Amino acid sequence: MIVPTDLIFRPASELPTENLDGRSVIVLNPCDGWHIGEIRVIKDEDGCYIGVYPWMGDEMTPHDFYVTWALLPDNDDLIDEFEGEQSNSRHCCVCKLRDHSTAEHKS
């Protein structure tokens, strides 16, 4: 099954908006390539701050870290589309069986 999707790349100067909180993005760093992050909205008494953060670590800042970014497709939608692809549809690289649950080498 193929699920077509479009990535729309935006310049670093076009910052994510509050309504994108929690969405996954891909950003391009000119030095070392692609990075996956999440848009996080931080609200406090001073207002609202929106940034792109990796799973662990500091914010990936526009212009300093990345030059372009794009929203990634929704994880849950893709997981639903490809349900069943996880383990029983793959061939084991050791025994070549499709059903890895019966392989002797499985720990």
N, C-alpha and C. Protein backbone atom coordinates (compact mmCIF):
# COMPACT_ATOMS: atom_id res chain seq x y z
N MET A 1 0.84 -1.17 0.00
CA MET A 1 0.00 0.00 0.00
C MET A 1 0.89 1.24 0.00
N ILE A 2 0.52 2.20 -0.78
CA ILE A 2 1.23 3.46 -0.84
C ILE A 2 0.27 4.55 -0.38
N VAL A 3 0.75 5.42 0.51
CA VAL A 3 -0.04 6.54 0.99
C VAL A 3 0.65 7.82 0.52
N PRO A 4 0.12 8.44 -0.51
CA PRO A 4 0.75 9.67 -0.99
C PRO A 4 0.55 10.81 0.01
N THR A 5 1.56 11.64 0.13
CA THR A 5 1.48 12.80 1.01
C THR A 5 2.36 13.90 0.45
N ASP A 6 2.05 15.11 0.77
CA ASP A 6 2.84 16.25 0.34
C ASP A 6 3.52 16.88 1.54
N LEU A 7 4.77 17.24 1.39
CA LEU A 7 5.46 18.03 2.39
C LEU A 7 5.58 19.44 1.83
N ILE A 8 5.15 20.40 2.60
CA ILE A 8 5.24 21.80 2.18
C ILE A 8 6.31 22.45 3.03
N PHE A 9 7.43 22.75 2.40
CA PHE A 9 8.55 23.34 3.12
C PHE A 9 8.38 24.85 3.23
N ARG A 10 8.57 25.33 4.45
CA ARG A 10 8.45 26.74 4.75
C ARG A 10 9.82 27.28 5.14
N PRO A 11 10.09 28.55 4.87
CA PRO A 11 11.37 29.11 5.30
C PRO A 11 11.41 29.25 6.82
N ALA A 12 12.62 29.29 7.37
CA ALA A 12 12.77 29.43 8.81
C ALA A 12 12.11 30.72 9.32
N SER A 13 12.02 31.72 8.49
CA SER A 13 11.40 32.99 8.89
C SER A 13 9.89 32.86 9.10
N GLU A 14 9.28 31.82 8.54
CA GLU A 14 7.85 31.57 8.75
C GLU A 14 7.72 30.62 9.94
N LEU A 15 7.47 31.17 11.10
CA LEU A 15 7.45 30.39 12.34
C LEU A 15 6.17 29.59 12.50
N PRO A 16 6.25 28.45 13.19
CA PRO A 16 5.03 27.67 13.48
C PRO A 16 4.06 28.51 14.32
N THR A 17 2.80 28.16 14.24
CA THR A 17 1.76 28.89 14.97
C THR A 17 1.21 28.04 16.12
N GLU A 18 0.50 28.69 17.01
CA GLU A 18 0.00 28.05 18.22
C GLU A 18 -0.89 26.84 17.94
N ASN A 19 -1.65 26.88 16.87
CA ASN A 19 -2.56 25.77 16.55
C ASN A 19 -1.83 24.50 16.11
N LEU A 20 -0.51 24.57 15.92
CA LEU A 20 0.27 23.41 15.50
C LEU A 20 0.93 22.69 16.68
N ASP A 21 0.58 23.07 17.90
CA ASP A 21 1.16 22.47 19.10
C ASP A 21 1.06 20.94 19.04
N GLY A 22 2.20 20.28 19.29
CA GLY A 22 2.22 18.82 19.31
C GLY A 22 2.46 18.16 17.97
N ARG A 23 2.46 18.91 16.90
CA ARG A 23 2.68 18.33 15.57
C ARG A 23 4.15 18.03 15.34
N SER A 24 4.41 16.97 14.61
CA SER A 24 5.77 16.59 14.25
C SER A 24 6.21 17.35 13.01
N VAL A 25 7.49 17.73 12.99
CA VAL A 25 8.05 18.46 11.86
C VAL A 25 9.40 17.86 11.48
N ILE A 26 9.80 18.13 10.26
CA ILE A 26 11.14 17.81 9.81
C ILE A 26 11.81 19.15 9.49
N VAL A 27 13.03 19.33 9.99
CA VAL A 27 13.76 20.57 9.73
C VAL A 27 15.08 20.23 9.04
N LEU A 28 15.59 21.17 8.26
CA LEU A 28 16.85 20.96 7.54
C LEU A 28 17.92 21.88 8.11
N ASN A 29 18.98 21.24 8.61
CA ASN A 29 20.16 21.96 9.08
C ASN A 29 21.19 21.88 7.96
N PRO A 30 21.70 23.02 7.48
CA PRO A 30 22.63 22.99 6.35
C PRO A 30 23.92 22.22 6.64
N CYS A 31 24.30 22.09 7.91
CA CYS A 31 25.56 21.40 8.25
C CYS A 31 25.42 19.89 8.31
N ASP A 32 24.31 19.40 8.90
CA ASP A 32 24.24 17.95 9.09
C ASP A 32 22.93 17.32 8.65
N GLY A 33 22.12 18.02 7.92
CA GLY A 33 20.96 17.40 7.29
C GLY A 33 19.66 17.47 8.07
N TRP A 34 18.86 16.43 7.92
CA TRP A 34 17.49 16.40 8.43
C TRP A 34 17.42 16.05 9.91
N HIS A 35 16.45 16.67 10.59
CA HIS A 35 16.17 16.40 12.00
C HIS A 35 14.66 16.36 12.18
N ILE A 36 14.19 15.48 13.05
CA ILE A 36 12.77 15.40 13.38
C ILE A 36 12.55 16.11 14.70
N GLY A 37 11.48 16.87 14.78
CA GLY A 37 11.16 17.59 16.01
C GLY A 37 9.67 17.68 16.22
N GLU A 38 9.31 18.35 17.28
CA GLU A 38 7.90 18.55 17.63
C GLU A 38 7.69 20.02 17.97
N ILE A 39 6.60 20.55 17.50
CA ILE A 39 6.26 21.93 17.84
C ILE A 39 5.67 21.94 19.25
N ARG A 40 6.22 22.80 20.09
CA ARG A 40 5.73 22.93 21.47
C ARG A 40 5.35 24.37 21.73
N VAL A 41 4.19 24.54 22.33
CA VAL A 41 3.70 25.86 22.72
C VAL A 41 3.84 25.96 24.23
N ILE A 42 4.55 26.97 24.67
CA ILE A 42 4.77 27.18 26.10
C ILE A 42 4.09 28.48 26.48
N LYS A 43 3.10 28.37 27.36
CA LYS A 43 2.35 29.55 27.79
C LYS A 43 2.69 29.86 29.25
N ASP A 44 2.86 31.14 29.53
CA ASP A 44 3.05 31.58 30.91
C ASP A 44 2.42 32.97 31.05
N GLU A 45 2.68 33.62 32.19
CA GLU A 45 2.06 34.91 32.45
C GLU A 45 2.55 35.99 31.48
N ASP A 46 3.70 35.77 30.84
CA ASP A 46 4.24 36.74 29.89
C ASP A 46 3.71 36.56 28.48
N GLY A 47 3.02 35.46 28.23
CA GLY A 47 2.48 35.23 26.89
C GLY A 47 2.68 33.81 26.42
N CYS A 48 3.01 33.69 25.15
CA CYS A 48 3.08 32.39 24.51
C CYS A 48 4.39 32.30 23.71
N TYR A 49 5.12 31.19 23.89
CA TYR A 49 6.34 30.96 23.12
C TYR A 49 6.16 29.67 22.34
N ILE A 50 6.53 29.70 21.08
CA ILE A 50 6.38 28.53 20.20
C ILE A 50 7.76 28.16 19.66
N GLY A 51 8.14 26.89 19.82
CA GLY A 51 9.43 26.44 19.34
C GLY A 51 9.37 25.03 18.79
N VAL A 52 10.46 24.63 18.15
CA VAL A 52 10.61 23.27 17.62
C VAL A 52 11.68 22.57 18.46
N TYR A 53 11.32 21.41 19.00
CA TYR A 53 12.21 20.68 19.91
C TYR A 53 12.39 19.24 19.45
N PRO A 54 13.61 18.71 19.61
CA PRO A 54 13.81 17.29 19.35
C PRO A 54 13.23 16.49 20.50
N TRP A 55 13.24 15.16 20.36
CA TRP A 55 12.71 14.30 21.42
C TRP A 55 13.42 14.61 22.73
N MET A 56 14.73 14.74 22.69
CA MET A 56 15.51 15.15 23.86
C MET A 56 16.44 16.26 23.42
N GLY A 57 16.61 17.24 24.27
CA GLY A 57 17.58 18.28 23.95
C GLY A 57 16.97 19.66 23.88
N ASP A 58 17.79 20.58 23.45
CA ASP A 58 17.41 21.98 23.39
C ASP A 58 16.64 22.30 22.11
N GLU A 59 16.01 23.43 22.14
CA GLU A 59 15.22 23.90 20.99
C GLU A 59 16.07 23.97 19.73
N MET A 60 15.47 23.60 18.62
CA MET A 60 16.10 23.79 17.31
C MET A 60 15.58 25.13 16.80
N THR A 61 16.44 26.13 16.82
CA THR A 61 16.01 27.50 16.53
C THR A 61 16.10 27.83 15.04
N PRO A 62 15.13 28.63 14.56
CA PRO A 62 15.18 29.04 13.16
C PRO A 62 16.41 29.91 12.90
N HIS A 63 16.95 29.82 11.72
CA HIS A 63 18.11 30.55 11.23
C HIS A 63 19.42 30.06 11.87
N ASP A 64 19.46 29.88 13.20
CA ASP A 64 20.68 29.38 13.85
C ASP A 64 20.86 27.89 13.61
N PHE A 65 19.76 27.12 13.69
CA PHE A 65 19.84 25.68 13.55
C PHE A 65 19.26 25.20 12.21
N TYR A 66 18.08 25.68 11.86
CA TYR A 66 17.47 25.19 10.61
C TYR A 66 17.11 26.34 9.67
N VAL A 67 17.05 25.97 8.38
CA VAL A 67 16.74 26.97 7.35
C VAL A 67 15.36 26.76 6.74
N THR A 68 14.80 25.55 6.90
CA THR A 68 13.46 25.27 6.38
C THR A 68 12.83 24.18 7.24
N TRP A 69 11.49 24.13 7.23
CA TRP A 69 10.78 23.11 8.00
C TRP A 69 9.49 22.74 7.28
N ALA A 70 8.97 21.55 7.61
CA ALA A 70 7.71 21.09 7.05
C ALA A 70 6.99 20.22 8.08
N LEU A 71 5.67 20.32 8.08
CA LEU A 71 4.87 19.43 8.93
C LEU A 71 4.93 18.02 8.39
N LEU A 72 5.04 17.04 9.28
CA LEU A 72 4.98 15.64 8.88
C LEU A 72 3.54 15.15 8.98
N PRO A 73 3.19 14.10 8.24
CA PRO A 73 1.84 13.55 8.35
C PRO A 73 1.56 13.08 9.77
N ASP A 74 0.31 13.02 10.13
CA ASP A 74 -0.10 12.58 11.46
C ASP A 74 0.32 11.14 11.71
N ASN A 75 1.03 10.91 12.81
CA ASN A 75 1.51 9.56 13.13
C ASN A 75 0.38 8.55 13.24
N ASP A 76 -0.69 8.90 13.95
CA ASP A 76 -1.78 7.95 14.18
C ASP A 76 -2.44 7.51 12.88
N ASP A 77 -2.60 8.44 11.94
CA ASP A 77 -3.20 8.09 10.65
C ASP A 77 -2.34 7.08 9.90
N LEU A 78 -1.03 7.29 9.91
CA LEU A 78 -0.15 6.36 9.21
C LEU A 78 -0.07 5.01 9.92
N ILE A 79 -0.05 5.02 11.24
CA ILE A 79 -0.04 3.76 11.99
C ILE A 79 -1.29 2.95 11.66
N ASP A 80 -2.44 3.60 11.60
CA ASP A 80 -3.68 2.91 11.24
C ASP A 80 -3.62 2.35 9.83
N GLU A 81 -3.05 3.12 8.89
CA GLU A 81 -2.95 2.67 7.50
C GLU A 81 -2.08 1.43 7.36
N PHE A 82 -1.02 1.36 8.16
CA PHE A 82 -0.06 0.27 8.01
C PHE A 82 -0.12 -0.73 9.15
N GLU A 83 -1.27 -0.82 9.80
CA GLU A 83 -1.46 -1.81 10.86
C GLU A 83 -1.22 -3.20 10.27
N GLY A 84 -0.51 -4.02 11.00
CA GLY A 84 -0.20 -5.36 10.50
C GLY A 84 1.16 -5.46 9.84
N GLU A 85 1.82 -4.36 9.64
CA GLU A 85 3.14 -4.38 8.99
C GLU A 85 4.26 -4.60 9.99
N GLN A 86 3.95 -4.56 11.28
CA GLN A 86 5.02 -4.53 12.26
C GLN A 86 5.86 -5.80 12.29
N SER A 87 5.45 -6.85 12.94
CA SER A 87 6.38 -7.97 13.09
C SER A 87 6.01 -9.19 12.25
N ASN A 88 4.74 -9.54 12.16
CA ASN A 88 4.41 -10.80 11.49
C ASN A 88 4.47 -10.69 9.97
N SER A 89 4.65 -9.52 9.42
CA SER A 89 4.75 -9.39 7.98
C SER A 89 6.18 -9.30 7.50
N ARG A 90 7.11 -9.16 8.42
CA ARG A 90 8.52 -9.06 8.05
C ARG A 90 9.20 -10.42 8.12
N HIS A 91 10.22 -10.58 7.33
CA HIS A 91 11.04 -11.78 7.41
C HIS A 91 12.16 -11.52 8.41
N CYS A 92 12.42 -12.48 9.26
CA CYS A 92 13.50 -12.39 10.24
C CYS A 92 14.83 -12.44 9.48
N CYS A 93 15.76 -11.57 9.85
CA CYS A 93 17.05 -11.54 9.16
C CYS A 93 17.94 -12.73 9.54
N VAL A 94 17.60 -13.45 10.61
CA VAL A 94 18.40 -14.60 11.03
C VAL A 94 17.85 -15.89 10.44
N CYS A 95 16.54 -16.13 10.62
CA CYS A 95 16.00 -17.42 10.21
C CYS A 95 15.12 -17.35 8.96
N LYS A 96 14.84 -16.16 8.50
CA LYS A 96 14.04 -15.94 7.28
C LYS A 96 12.56 -16.32 7.43
N LEU A 97 12.13 -16.58 8.67
CA LEU A 97 10.72 -16.89 8.90
C LEU A 97 9.90 -15.62 8.91
N ARG A 98 8.65 -15.75 8.50
CA ARG A 98 7.74 -14.62 8.55
C ARG A 98 7.20 -14.43 9.97
N ASP A 99 6.91 -15.51 10.65
CA ASP A 99 6.36 -15.44 12.01
C ASP A 99 7.51 -15.60 12.99
N HIS A 100 8.03 -14.50 13.47
CA HIS A 100 9.19 -14.52 14.35
C HIS A 100 8.87 -15.07 15.73
N SER A 101 7.62 -15.15 16.10
CA SER A 101 7.26 -15.61 17.44
C SER A 101 7.64 -17.08 17.68
N THR A 102 7.81 -17.85 16.63
CA THR A 102 8.15 -19.27 16.79
C THR A 102 9.64 -19.55 16.58
N ALA A 103 10.43 -18.54 16.28
CA ALA A 103 11.86 -18.74 16.02
C ALA A 103 12.59 -19.11 17.29
N GLU A 104 13.46 -20.10 17.20
CA GLU A 104 14.22 -20.57 18.36
C GLU A 104 15.17 -19.51 18.92
N HIS A 105 15.71 -18.67 18.06
CA HIS A 105 16.69 -17.69 18.51
C HIS A 105 16.06 -16.47 19.17
N LYS A 106 14.74 -16.37 19.14
CA LYS A 106 14.08 -15.21 19.74
C LYS A 106 14.24 -15.28 21.25
N SER A 107 14.66 -14.18 21.84
CA SER A 107 14.86 -14.18 23.29
C SER A 107 13.65 -13.64 24.01
